């Protein structure tokens, strides 16, 4: 694992927040975290599958948001960022010190 800090772009952070708020709004925090934790070893493969699905995802995220999230998940540290951001949103915190930027 790389020791360099994770660089999260504003586009990636916005996409993660959009997905995280959707998850929290519908009370799916625990199932989402369990699902993400269970597929963590396959994060890179999953991110590549996300690139494959990009043209058909327009109903939930824009294609640029979807691609930004897929690029973030290519790095396992990005996966951790997504998990921590969902937890922060669920706890009602708007600020987040999860190693971004």
N, C-alpha and C. Protein backbone atom coordinates (compact mmCIF):
# COMPACT_ATOMS: atom_id res chain seq x y z
N UNK A 1 0.85 -1.18 0.00
CA UNK A 1 0.00 0.00 0.00
C UNK A 1 0.88 1.23 0.00
N UNK A 2 0.48 2.21 -0.75
CA UNK A 2 1.24 3.43 -0.89
C UNK A 2 1.18 4.26 0.39
N UNK A 3 2.28 4.95 0.68
CA UNK A 3 2.31 5.81 1.86
C UNK A 3 2.00 7.26 1.51
N UNK A 4 1.84 7.56 0.22
CA UNK A 4 1.50 8.93 -0.17
C UNK A 4 0.04 9.21 0.19
N UNK A 5 -0.26 10.44 0.55
CA UNK A 5 -1.65 10.77 0.91
C UNK A 5 -2.59 10.62 -0.28
N UNK A 6 -3.79 10.24 0.00
CA UNK A 6 -4.81 10.12 -1.02
C UNK A 6 -5.23 11.50 -1.49
N UNK A 7 -5.28 11.71 -2.78
CA UNK A 7 -5.73 12.97 -3.36
C UNK A 7 -7.16 12.77 -3.87
N UNK A 8 -8.11 13.40 -3.21
CA UNK A 8 -9.51 13.32 -3.61
C UNK A 8 -9.86 14.64 -4.29
N UNK A 9 -10.27 14.54 -5.54
CA UNK A 9 -10.64 15.75 -6.29
C UNK A 9 -11.99 16.26 -5.81
N UNK A 10 -12.30 17.53 -6.06
CA UNK A 10 -13.62 18.05 -5.69
C UNK A 10 -14.76 17.26 -6.35
N UNK A 11 -14.54 16.80 -7.59
CA UNK A 11 -15.56 16.02 -8.29
C UNK A 11 -15.80 14.68 -7.59
N UNK A 12 -14.70 14.04 -7.16
CA UNK A 12 -14.83 12.78 -6.45
C UNK A 12 -15.54 12.97 -5.12
N UNK A 13 -15.15 14.01 -4.39
CA UNK A 13 -15.79 14.28 -3.10
C UNK A 13 -17.28 14.55 -3.26
N UNK A 14 -17.64 15.30 -4.32
CA UNK A 14 -19.06 15.59 -4.56
C UNK A 14 -19.84 14.33 -4.90
N UNK A 15 -19.24 13.45 -5.69
CA UNK A 15 -19.91 12.20 -6.05
C UNK A 15 -20.10 11.31 -4.83
N UNK A 16 -19.07 11.22 -3.99
CA UNK A 16 -19.16 10.41 -2.77
C UNK A 16 -20.24 10.99 -1.85
N UNK A 17 -20.27 12.30 -1.71
CA UNK A 17 -21.30 12.93 -0.86
C UNK A 17 -22.70 12.66 -1.39
N UNK A 18 -22.87 12.72 -2.70
CA UNK A 18 -24.19 12.48 -3.29
C UNK A 18 -24.65 11.05 -3.00
N UNK A 19 -23.76 10.09 -3.20
CA UNK A 19 -24.10 8.69 -2.93
C UNK A 19 -24.30 8.49 -1.42
N UNK A 20 -23.42 9.07 -0.62
CA UNK A 20 -23.53 8.92 0.84
C UNK A 20 -24.82 9.49 1.39
N UNK A 21 -25.22 10.65 0.91
CA UNK A 21 -26.48 11.26 1.36
C UNK A 21 -27.68 10.42 0.95
N UNK A 22 -27.63 9.84 -0.23
CA UNK A 22 -28.70 8.94 -0.68
C UNK A 22 -28.81 7.74 0.25
N UNK A 23 -27.66 7.15 0.58
CA UNK A 23 -27.63 5.97 1.46
C UNK A 23 -28.18 6.33 2.84
N UNK A 24 -27.74 7.44 3.40
CA UNK A 24 -28.18 7.86 4.73
C UNK A 24 -29.66 8.21 4.73
N UNK A 25 -30.12 8.91 3.70
CA UNK A 25 -31.53 9.33 3.64
C UNK A 25 -32.48 8.13 3.70
N UNK A 26 -32.09 7.03 3.11
CA UNK A 26 -32.95 5.85 3.09
C UNK A 26 -32.61 4.84 4.18
N UNK A 27 -31.78 5.23 5.13
CA UNK A 27 -31.46 4.37 6.26
C UNK A 27 -30.69 3.11 5.89
N UNK A 28 -29.87 3.22 4.87
CA UNK A 28 -29.13 2.05 4.38
C UNK A 28 -27.66 2.08 4.75
N UNK A 29 -27.31 2.83 5.79
CA UNK A 29 -25.90 2.97 6.15
C UNK A 29 -25.26 1.63 6.51
N UNK A 30 -25.87 0.90 7.42
CA UNK A 30 -25.27 -0.37 7.85
C UNK A 30 -25.18 -1.37 6.70
N UNK A 31 -26.26 -1.61 5.94
CA UNK A 31 -26.12 -2.54 4.81
C UNK A 31 -25.09 -2.08 3.78
N UNK A 32 -25.01 -0.77 3.54
CA UNK A 32 -24.04 -0.27 2.56
C UNK A 32 -22.61 -0.50 3.05
N UNK A 33 -22.37 -0.22 4.33
CA UNK A 33 -21.02 -0.43 4.87
C UNK A 33 -20.66 -1.91 4.86
N UNK A 34 -21.61 -2.77 5.24
CA UNK A 34 -21.35 -4.22 5.20
C UNK A 34 -21.04 -4.69 3.78
N UNK A 35 -21.81 -4.20 2.82
CA UNK A 35 -21.57 -4.59 1.43
C UNK A 35 -20.21 -4.10 0.95
N UNK A 36 -19.88 -2.86 1.26
CA UNK A 36 -18.59 -2.31 0.85
C UNK A 36 -17.43 -3.04 1.51
N UNK A 37 -17.56 -3.33 2.79
CA UNK A 37 -16.49 -4.05 3.49
C UNK A 37 -16.31 -5.46 2.92
N UNK A 38 -17.39 -6.09 2.51
CA UNK A 38 -17.29 -7.47 2.02
C UNK A 38 -16.64 -7.54 0.63
N UNK A 39 -16.72 -6.47 -0.14
CA UNK A 39 -16.11 -6.48 -1.48
C UNK A 39 -14.81 -5.69 -1.53
N UNK A 40 -14.32 -5.26 -0.40
CA UNK A 40 -13.08 -4.46 -0.36
C UNK A 40 -11.92 -5.11 -1.12
N UNK A 41 -11.68 -6.41 -1.00
CA UNK A 41 -10.56 -7.00 -1.76
C UNK A 41 -10.72 -6.88 -3.28
N UNK A 42 -11.92 -6.68 -3.74
CA UNK A 42 -12.17 -6.58 -5.18
C UNK A 42 -12.42 -5.13 -5.62
N UNK A 43 -11.95 -4.17 -4.84
CA UNK A 43 -12.25 -2.77 -5.13
C UNK A 43 -11.78 -2.35 -6.51
N UNK A 44 -10.61 -2.77 -6.93
CA UNK A 44 -10.11 -2.37 -8.25
C UNK A 44 -10.97 -2.98 -9.35
N UNK A 45 -11.29 -4.25 -9.24
CA UNK A 45 -12.13 -4.93 -10.23
C UNK A 45 -13.50 -4.25 -10.30
N UNK A 46 -14.05 -3.92 -9.14
CA UNK A 46 -15.34 -3.23 -9.09
C UNK A 46 -15.29 -1.87 -9.75
N UNK A 47 -14.19 -1.15 -9.54
CA UNK A 47 -14.07 0.17 -10.16
C UNK A 47 -14.00 0.05 -11.68
N UNK A 48 -13.36 -1.00 -12.17
CA UNK A 48 -13.29 -1.21 -13.62
C UNK A 48 -14.66 -1.57 -14.18
N UNK A 49 -15.44 -2.33 -13.41
CA UNK A 49 -16.81 -2.66 -13.81
C UNK A 49 -17.66 -1.39 -13.86
N UNK A 50 -17.40 -0.46 -12.94
CA UNK A 50 -18.12 0.81 -12.95
C UNK A 50 -17.85 1.57 -14.25
N UNK A 51 -16.61 1.52 -14.73
CA UNK A 51 -16.30 2.18 -16.00
C UNK A 51 -17.10 1.56 -17.14
N UNK A 52 -17.27 0.26 -17.09
CA UNK A 52 -18.05 -0.44 -18.11
C UNK A 52 -19.50 -0.01 -18.10
N UNK A 53 -20.05 0.25 -16.91
CA UNK A 53 -21.46 0.64 -16.78
C UNK A 53 -21.71 2.13 -16.98
N UNK A 54 -20.68 2.93 -17.13
CA UNK A 54 -20.82 4.39 -17.23
C UNK A 54 -21.93 4.87 -18.17
N UNK A 55 -22.04 4.34 -19.37
CA UNK A 55 -23.06 4.88 -20.27
C UNK A 55 -24.50 4.69 -19.80
N UNK A 56 -24.75 3.75 -18.91
CA UNK A 56 -26.14 3.45 -18.54
C UNK A 56 -26.53 3.92 -17.14
N UNK A 57 -25.70 4.67 -16.47
CA UNK A 57 -25.96 5.02 -15.07
C UNK A 57 -26.61 6.38 -14.89
N UNK A 58 -26.91 7.09 -15.95
CA UNK A 58 -27.40 8.46 -15.90
C UNK A 58 -28.58 8.73 -15.00
N UNK A 59 -29.32 7.74 -14.60
CA UNK A 59 -30.50 7.97 -13.76
C UNK A 59 -30.13 8.37 -12.33
N UNK A 60 -28.96 7.98 -11.85
CA UNK A 60 -28.59 8.25 -10.47
C UNK A 60 -27.50 9.29 -10.36
N UNK A 61 -26.43 9.11 -11.09
CA UNK A 61 -25.32 10.05 -11.11
C UNK A 61 -25.04 10.44 -12.56
N UNK A 62 -24.48 11.60 -12.75
CA UNK A 62 -24.05 11.95 -14.10
C UNK A 62 -22.85 11.09 -14.46
N UNK A 63 -22.59 10.96 -15.73
CA UNK A 63 -21.46 10.14 -16.17
C UNK A 63 -20.14 10.67 -15.58
N UNK A 64 -19.89 11.98 -15.57
CA UNK A 64 -18.64 12.46 -14.95
C UNK A 64 -18.56 12.12 -13.44
N UNK A 65 -19.69 12.22 -12.73
CA UNK A 65 -19.68 11.86 -11.30
C UNK A 65 -19.39 10.37 -11.13
N UNK A 66 -20.02 9.56 -11.95
CA UNK A 66 -19.82 8.10 -11.89
C UNK A 66 -18.36 7.76 -12.18
N UNK A 67 -17.80 8.37 -13.22
CA UNK A 67 -16.40 8.11 -13.57
C UNK A 67 -15.45 8.60 -12.47
N UNK A 68 -15.76 9.74 -11.86
CA UNK A 68 -14.93 10.26 -10.76
C UNK A 68 -14.93 9.28 -9.60
N UNK A 69 -16.09 8.72 -9.29
CA UNK A 69 -16.17 7.76 -8.19
C UNK A 69 -15.42 6.47 -8.55
N UNK A 70 -15.53 6.03 -9.80
CA UNK A 70 -14.81 4.83 -10.23
C UNK A 70 -13.30 5.03 -10.12
N UNK A 71 -12.82 6.21 -10.52
CA UNK A 71 -11.38 6.50 -10.40
C UNK A 71 -10.95 6.51 -8.94
N UNK A 72 -11.78 7.04 -8.07
CA UNK A 72 -11.47 7.07 -6.64
C UNK A 72 -11.36 5.65 -6.09
N UNK A 73 -12.25 4.77 -6.51
CA UNK A 73 -12.26 3.40 -5.98
C UNK A 73 -11.16 2.52 -6.56
N UNK A 74 -10.43 3.00 -7.55
CA UNK A 74 -9.31 2.23 -8.08
C UNK A 74 -8.20 2.10 -7.04
N UNK A 75 -8.16 3.01 -6.10
CA UNK A 75 -7.18 3.00 -5.02
C UNK A 75 -7.89 2.52 -3.75
N UNK A 76 -7.33 1.57 -3.07
CA UNK A 76 -7.98 1.05 -1.85
C UNK A 76 -8.17 2.12 -0.79
N UNK A 77 -7.31 3.12 -0.79
CA UNK A 77 -7.49 4.22 0.16
C UNK A 77 -8.75 5.01 -0.17
N UNK A 78 -9.10 5.05 -1.44
CA UNK A 78 -10.34 5.70 -1.85
C UNK A 78 -11.55 4.96 -1.33
N UNK A 79 -11.45 3.66 -1.29
CA UNK A 79 -12.52 2.82 -0.73
C UNK A 79 -12.73 3.17 0.74
N UNK A 80 -11.64 3.31 1.46
CA UNK A 80 -11.71 3.70 2.87
C UNK A 80 -12.32 5.09 3.02
N UNK A 81 -11.96 6.00 2.12
CA UNK A 81 -12.53 7.35 2.14
C UNK A 81 -14.06 7.30 2.00
N UNK A 82 -14.55 6.49 1.07
CA UNK A 82 -15.99 6.37 0.85
C UNK A 82 -16.67 5.85 2.11
N UNK A 83 -16.10 4.81 2.71
CA UNK A 83 -16.69 4.25 3.94
C UNK A 83 -16.74 5.28 5.05
N UNK A 84 -15.65 5.98 5.28
CA UNK A 84 -15.60 6.97 6.36
C UNK A 84 -16.54 8.14 6.09
N UNK A 85 -16.69 8.53 4.83
CA UNK A 85 -17.59 9.64 4.49
C UNK A 85 -19.04 9.25 4.74
N UNK A 86 -19.41 8.03 4.38
CA UNK A 86 -20.77 7.56 4.65
C UNK A 86 -21.03 7.55 6.15
N UNK A 87 -20.06 7.09 6.92
CA UNK A 87 -20.22 7.07 8.38
C UNK A 87 -20.37 8.50 8.92
N UNK A 88 -19.58 9.43 8.39
CA UNK A 88 -19.67 10.83 8.85
C UNK A 88 -21.02 11.43 8.51
N UNK A 89 -21.51 11.17 7.31
CA UNK A 89 -22.83 11.69 6.92
C UNK A 89 -23.92 11.09 7.79
N UNK A 90 -23.80 9.82 8.11
CA UNK A 90 -24.79 9.17 8.96
C UNK A 90 -24.79 9.76 10.36
N UNK A 91 -23.62 10.16 10.83
CA UNK A 91 -23.52 10.75 12.17
C UNK A 91 -23.92 12.22 12.16
N UNK A 92 -24.24 12.76 11.00
CA UNK A 92 -24.69 14.14 10.89
C UNK A 92 -23.58 15.16 10.82
N UNK A 93 -22.37 14.69 10.58
CA UNK A 93 -21.24 15.62 10.48
C UNK A 93 -21.09 16.09 9.05
N UNK A 94 -20.98 17.37 8.86
CA UNK A 94 -20.77 17.89 7.51
C UNK A 94 -19.29 18.02 7.19
N UNK A 95 -18.48 18.28 8.22
CA UNK A 95 -17.03 18.34 7.98
C UNK A 95 -16.48 16.93 8.08
N UNK A 96 -15.37 16.70 7.42
CA UNK A 96 -14.79 15.35 7.38
C UNK A 96 -13.30 15.46 7.23
N UNK A 97 -12.58 14.84 8.13
CA UNK A 97 -11.12 14.83 8.04
C UNK A 97 -10.67 13.42 7.70
N UNK A 98 -10.96 12.98 6.51
CA UNK A 98 -10.66 11.61 6.11
C UNK A 98 -9.47 11.48 5.20
N UNK A 99 -8.55 12.40 5.24
CA UNK A 99 -7.36 12.31 4.43
C UNK A 99 -7.54 12.82 3.01
N UNK A 100 -8.58 13.58 2.76
CA UNK A 100 -8.82 14.07 1.41
C UNK A 100 -7.98 15.31 1.13
N UNK A 101 -7.83 15.59 -0.14
CA UNK A 101 -7.09 16.73 -0.67
C UNK A 101 -5.69 16.62 -0.21
